Amino acid sequence: EITCLEGLTVIYRSSVDLFFYVVGGCQENELMLSAVLTCLLDTLSHLLGKEVEKRWLLENMEGTFLVVDEIVDRGVILETDPQQVIHQVDENPLSEQSESQGS
């Protein structure tokens, strides 16, 4: 879904019990914002192995922020390919630390 609200372009999608929003300026390309949202949802779904749910998201907030950090940085879109984001997240030492702490 796409909407304009007070000079902002808002792209949103629901997944089970969550709503995900990507917000950009009114001049922002809607297709790029949609690509960011699709990348976020596809990456999180891949990491989870199914659709993203609130409980999983809350339990894995650190990993979720890492995924968002790989996709955008200070409003600049860095990546829209879920496979590249998954590769970057898998190589990140932070994810390795989380796995070793959980064992």
N, C-alpha and C. Protein backbone atom coordinates (compact mmCIF):
# COMPACT_ATOMS: atom_id res chain seq x y z
N GLU A 1 0.84 -1.18 0.00
CA GLU A 1 0.00 0.00 0.00
C GLU A 1 0.88 1.25 0.00
N ILE A 2 0.46 2.25 -0.72
CA ILE A 2 1.18 3.52 -0.82
C ILE A 2 0.23 4.65 -0.48
N THR A 3 0.72 5.60 0.32
CA THR A 3 -0.10 6.76 0.64
C THR A 3 0.80 7.97 0.83
N CYS A 4 0.26 9.15 0.64
CA CYS A 4 0.97 10.40 0.94
C CYS A 4 0.32 11.02 2.16
N LEU A 5 1.15 11.42 3.11
CA LEU A 5 0.65 11.95 4.36
C LEU A 5 1.52 13.12 4.78
N GLU A 6 0.96 14.31 4.81
CA GLU A 6 1.66 15.52 5.25
C GLU A 6 3.01 15.68 4.57
N GLY A 7 3.03 15.52 3.26
CA GLY A 7 4.26 15.72 2.50
C GLY A 7 5.22 14.56 2.52
N LEU A 8 4.81 13.42 3.04
CA LEU A 8 5.66 12.24 3.09
C LEU A 8 5.03 11.12 2.27
N THR A 9 5.87 10.29 1.67
CA THR A 9 5.40 9.10 0.98
C THR A 9 5.56 7.94 1.94
N VAL A 10 4.49 7.20 2.16
CA VAL A 10 4.48 6.10 3.11
C VAL A 10 4.12 4.81 2.38
N ILE A 11 5.00 3.83 2.49
CA ILE A 11 4.77 2.50 1.94
C ILE A 11 4.61 1.57 3.14
N TYR A 12 3.57 0.74 3.12
CA TYR A 12 3.40 -0.15 4.26
C TYR A 12 2.86 -1.51 3.82
N ARG A 13 3.13 -2.50 4.66
CA ARG A 13 2.69 -3.86 4.40
C ARG A 13 2.51 -4.57 5.73
N SER A 14 1.57 -5.49 5.79
CA SER A 14 1.36 -6.25 7.03
C SER A 14 1.96 -7.64 6.89
N SER A 15 2.34 -8.19 8.03
CA SER A 15 2.86 -9.55 8.09
C SER A 15 2.37 -10.16 9.39
N VAL A 16 1.46 -11.09 9.31
CA VAL A 16 0.85 -11.77 10.45
C VAL A 16 0.26 -10.73 11.41
N ASP A 17 0.96 -10.39 12.50
CA ASP A 17 0.45 -9.47 13.51
C ASP A 17 1.24 -8.17 13.59
N LEU A 18 1.93 -7.80 12.49
CA LEU A 18 2.75 -6.58 12.45
C LEU A 18 2.45 -5.76 11.21
N PHE A 19 2.72 -4.47 11.30
CA PHE A 19 2.72 -3.60 10.13
C PHE A 19 4.11 -3.01 10.00
N PHE A 20 4.65 -3.02 8.78
CA PHE A 20 5.96 -2.45 8.50
C PHE A 20 5.77 -1.23 7.62
N TYR A 21 6.46 -0.14 7.96
CA TYR A 21 6.35 1.12 7.24
C TYR A 21 7.72 1.58 6.77
N VAL A 22 7.78 2.12 5.57
CA VAL A 22 8.95 2.83 5.07
C VAL A 22 8.45 4.20 4.67
N VAL A 23 9.12 5.23 5.20
CA VAL A 23 8.68 6.61 4.99
C VAL A 23 9.78 7.38 4.28
N GLY A 24 9.41 8.13 3.26
CA GLY A 24 10.35 8.97 2.53
C GLY A 24 9.71 10.31 2.22
N GLY A 25 10.51 11.20 1.71
CA GLY A 25 10.02 12.52 1.31
C GLY A 25 9.03 12.39 0.16
N CYS A 26 8.28 13.45 -0.06
CA CYS A 26 7.25 13.43 -1.10
C CYS A 26 7.85 13.21 -2.49
N GLN A 27 9.09 13.63 -2.69
CA GLN A 27 9.76 13.47 -3.98
C GLN A 27 10.46 12.11 -4.11
N GLU A 28 10.43 11.32 -3.05
CA GLU A 28 11.12 10.02 -3.05
C GLU A 28 10.45 9.06 -4.03
N ASN A 29 11.26 8.26 -4.69
CA ASN A 29 10.78 7.28 -5.65
C ASN A 29 10.03 6.16 -4.92
N GLU A 30 8.76 5.99 -5.23
CA GLU A 30 7.92 4.99 -4.56
C GLU A 30 8.42 3.58 -4.80
N LEU A 31 8.98 3.32 -5.99
CA LEU A 31 9.50 1.99 -6.28
C LEU A 31 10.71 1.66 -5.42
N MET A 32 11.56 2.64 -5.14
CA MET A 32 12.72 2.40 -4.28
C MET A 32 12.28 2.15 -2.85
N LEU A 33 11.31 2.91 -2.38
CA LEU A 33 10.80 2.68 -1.02
C LEU A 33 10.17 1.30 -0.92
N SER A 34 9.45 0.90 -1.95
CA SER A 34 8.86 -0.43 -1.97
C SER A 34 9.93 -1.51 -2.00
N ALA A 35 11.02 -1.28 -2.73
CA ALA A 35 12.14 -2.23 -2.78
C ALA A 35 12.79 -2.39 -1.41
N VAL A 36 12.90 -1.29 -0.67
CA VAL A 36 13.45 -1.35 0.69
C VAL A 36 12.56 -2.20 1.58
N LEU A 37 11.27 -1.96 1.52
CA LEU A 37 10.33 -2.71 2.35
C LEU A 37 10.34 -4.20 1.98
N THR A 38 10.35 -4.50 0.70
CA THR A 38 10.39 -5.88 0.25
C THR A 38 11.68 -6.56 0.71
N CYS A 39 12.79 -5.86 0.61
CA CYS A 39 14.07 -6.40 1.06
C CYS A 39 14.04 -6.70 2.55
N LEU A 40 13.51 -5.78 3.34
CA LEU A 40 13.43 -5.97 4.79
C LEU A 40 12.60 -7.21 5.12
N LEU A 41 11.41 -7.31 4.55
CA LEU A 41 10.52 -8.43 4.85
C LEU A 41 11.08 -9.75 4.34
N ASP A 42 11.66 -9.75 3.15
CA ASP A 42 12.23 -10.99 2.60
C ASP A 42 13.42 -11.46 3.43
N THR A 43 14.26 -10.53 3.86
CA THR A 43 15.43 -10.89 4.68
C THR A 43 15.00 -11.44 6.02
N LEU A 44 14.08 -10.75 6.70
CA LEU A 44 13.61 -11.23 8.00
C LEU A 44 12.90 -12.58 7.86
N SER A 45 12.12 -12.75 6.81
CA SER A 45 11.43 -14.03 6.58
C SER A 45 12.43 -15.15 6.36
N HIS A 46 13.50 -14.86 5.63
CA HIS A 46 14.52 -15.87 5.38
C HIS A 46 15.21 -16.27 6.69
N LEU A 47 15.54 -15.28 7.50
CA LEU A 47 16.21 -15.57 8.78
C LEU A 47 15.30 -16.36 9.71
N LEU A 48 14.02 -16.08 9.64
CA LEU A 48 13.06 -16.76 10.50
C LEU A 48 12.66 -18.12 9.93
N GLY A 49 12.63 -18.22 8.62
CA GLY A 49 12.19 -19.45 7.98
C GLY A 49 10.70 -19.47 7.71
N LYS A 50 10.01 -18.40 8.07
CA LYS A 50 8.58 -18.26 7.79
C LYS A 50 8.24 -16.77 7.89
N GLU A 51 6.95 -16.45 7.88
CA GLU A 51 6.56 -15.04 7.98
C GLU A 51 6.97 -14.46 9.33
N VAL A 52 7.23 -13.17 9.32
CA VAL A 52 7.69 -12.48 10.52
C VAL A 52 6.53 -12.26 11.49
N GLU A 53 6.75 -12.63 12.75
CA GLU A 53 5.75 -12.46 13.79
C GLU A 53 6.30 -11.55 14.88
N LYS A 54 5.39 -10.90 15.60
CA LYS A 54 5.79 -9.95 16.64
C LYS A 54 6.70 -10.59 17.70
N ARG A 55 6.34 -11.77 18.15
CA ARG A 55 7.12 -12.42 19.21
C ARG A 55 8.56 -12.66 18.76
N TRP A 56 8.73 -13.20 17.54
CA TRP A 56 10.07 -13.45 17.02
C TRP A 56 10.85 -12.15 16.89
N LEU A 57 10.17 -11.12 16.38
CA LEU A 57 10.82 -9.83 16.18
C LEU A 57 11.31 -9.25 17.50
N LEU A 58 10.50 -9.32 18.54
CA LEU A 58 10.88 -8.80 19.85
C LEU A 58 12.02 -9.60 20.46
N GLU A 59 12.01 -10.91 20.26
CA GLU A 59 13.07 -11.76 20.81
C GLU A 59 14.38 -11.61 20.05
N ASN A 60 14.33 -11.10 18.84
CA ASN A 60 15.52 -10.96 17.99
C ASN A 60 15.71 -9.52 17.54
N MET A 61 15.47 -8.58 18.43
CA MET A 61 15.54 -7.16 18.09
C MET A 61 16.93 -6.76 17.60
N GLU A 62 17.98 -7.29 18.22
CA GLU A 62 19.35 -6.96 17.82
C GLU A 62 19.60 -7.35 16.37
N GLY A 63 19.18 -8.55 15.99
CA GLY A 63 19.34 -9.01 14.62
C GLY A 63 18.49 -8.21 13.65
N THR A 64 17.30 -7.81 14.10
CA THR A 64 16.42 -6.99 13.27
C THR A 64 17.06 -5.64 12.97
N PHE A 65 17.63 -5.02 14.01
CA PHE A 65 18.32 -3.73 13.81
C PHE A 65 19.53 -3.89 12.89
N LEU A 66 20.21 -5.02 12.99
CA LEU A 66 21.35 -5.28 12.11
C LEU A 66 20.90 -5.36 10.66
N VAL A 67 19.77 -6.01 10.41
CA VAL A 67 19.23 -6.11 9.05
C VAL A 67 18.87 -4.71 8.53
N VAL A 68 18.19 -3.92 9.35
CA VAL A 68 17.82 -2.56 8.94
C VAL A 68 19.08 -1.74 8.66
N ASP A 69 20.11 -1.91 9.50
CA ASP A 69 21.36 -1.18 9.33
C ASP A 69 22.06 -1.54 8.02
N GLU A 70 21.91 -2.76 7.56
CA GLU A 70 22.51 -3.18 6.29
C GLU A 70 21.74 -2.64 5.09
N ILE A 71 20.46 -2.35 5.29
CA ILE A 71 19.62 -1.87 4.18
C ILE A 71 19.71 -0.35 4.03
N VAL A 72 19.63 0.39 5.13
CA VAL A 72 19.68 1.86 5.09
C VAL A 72 20.64 2.38 6.15
N ASP A 73 21.20 3.56 5.88
CA ASP A 73 22.06 4.23 6.84
C ASP A 73 21.78 5.72 6.76
N ARG A 74 21.21 6.26 7.82
CA ARG A 74 20.87 7.69 7.91
C ARG A 74 20.02 8.15 6.73
N GLY A 75 19.08 7.31 6.35
CA GLY A 75 18.16 7.67 5.28
C GLY A 75 18.67 7.38 3.88
N VAL A 76 19.89 6.86 3.77
CA VAL A 76 20.45 6.52 2.46
C VAL A 76 20.27 5.02 2.24
N ILE A 77 19.68 4.66 1.13
CA ILE A 77 19.45 3.25 0.81
C ILE A 77 20.78 2.64 0.36
N LEU A 78 21.22 1.60 1.09
CA LEU A 78 22.48 0.95 0.77
C LEU A 78 22.28 -0.32 -0.05
N GLU A 79 21.21 -1.06 0.22
CA GLU A 79 21.01 -2.35 -0.42
C GLU A 79 19.53 -2.69 -0.50
N THR A 80 19.12 -3.27 -1.64
CA THR A 80 17.74 -3.71 -1.78
C THR A 80 17.65 -5.18 -2.20
N ASP A 81 18.80 -5.86 -2.23
CA ASP A 81 18.81 -7.28 -2.58
C ASP A 81 18.88 -8.10 -1.29
N PRO A 82 17.82 -8.86 -0.98
CA PRO A 82 17.80 -9.64 0.27
C PRO A 82 18.98 -10.61 0.40
N GLN A 83 19.42 -11.20 -0.71
CA GLN A 83 20.54 -12.15 -0.64
C GLN A 83 21.83 -11.46 -0.20
N GLN A 84 22.05 -10.24 -0.66
CA GLN A 84 23.23 -9.48 -0.24
C GLN A 84 23.16 -9.12 1.24
N VAL A 85 21.98 -8.75 1.71
CA VAL A 85 21.80 -8.40 3.12
C VAL A 85 22.02 -9.64 3.99
N ILE A 86 21.46 -10.77 3.58
CA ILE A 86 21.65 -12.02 4.33
C ILE A 86 23.14 -12.36 4.40
N HIS A 87 23.84 -12.21 3.28
CA HIS A 87 25.28 -12.49 3.24
C HIS A 87 26.03 -11.58 4.21
N GLN A 88 25.69 -10.28 4.22
CA GLN A 88 26.35 -9.32 5.11
C GLN A 88 26.06 -9.64 6.57
N VAL A 89 24.83 -9.99 6.88
CA VAL A 89 24.44 -10.31 8.25
C VAL A 89 25.16 -11.57 8.72
N ASP A 90 25.27 -12.56 7.84
CA ASP A 90 25.96 -13.81 8.20
C ASP A 90 27.43 -13.60 8.46
N GLU A 91 28.05 -12.62 7.78
CA GLU A 91 29.48 -12.34 7.96
C GLU A 91 29.76 -11.43 9.14
N ASN A 92 28.75 -10.78 9.67
CA ASN A 92 28.96 -9.78 10.73
C ASN A 92 29.35 -10.46 12.04
N PRO A 93 30.43 -9.98 12.69
CA PRO A 93 30.86 -10.57 13.96
C PRO A 93 29.80 -10.48 15.05
N LEU A 94 28.91 -9.50 14.98
CA LEU A 94 27.87 -9.34 16.00
C LEU A 94 26.96 -10.57 16.01
N SER A 95 26.61 -11.11 14.84
CA SER A 95 25.76 -12.29 14.79
C SER A 95 26.49 -13.50 15.34
N GLU A 96 27.81 -13.58 15.12
CA GLU A 96 28.59 -14.69 15.66
C GLU A 96 28.65 -14.62 17.17
N GLN A 97 28.77 -13.40 17.73
CA GLN A 97 28.78 -13.24 19.18
C GLN A 97 27.45 -13.66 19.77
N SER A 98 26.37 -13.30 19.13
CA SER A 98 25.04 -13.65 19.64
C SER A 98 24.86 -15.16 19.66
N GLU A 99 25.35 -15.85 18.61
CA GLU A 99 25.22 -17.29 18.56
C GLU A 99 26.05 -17.96 19.65
N SER A 100 27.27 -17.46 19.90
CA SER A 100 28.12 -18.08 20.92
C SER A 100 27.58 -17.81 22.32
N GLN A 101 26.94 -16.67 22.53
CA GLN A 101 26.36 -16.36 23.84
C GLN A 101 25.15 -17.23 24.10
N GLY A 102 24.40 -17.57 23.05
CA GLY A 102 23.19 -18.37 23.19
C GLY A 102 23.50 -19.83 23.48
N SER A 103 24.73 -20.29 23.17
CA SER A 103 25.09 -21.70 23.39
C SER A 103 25.53 -21.97 24.79
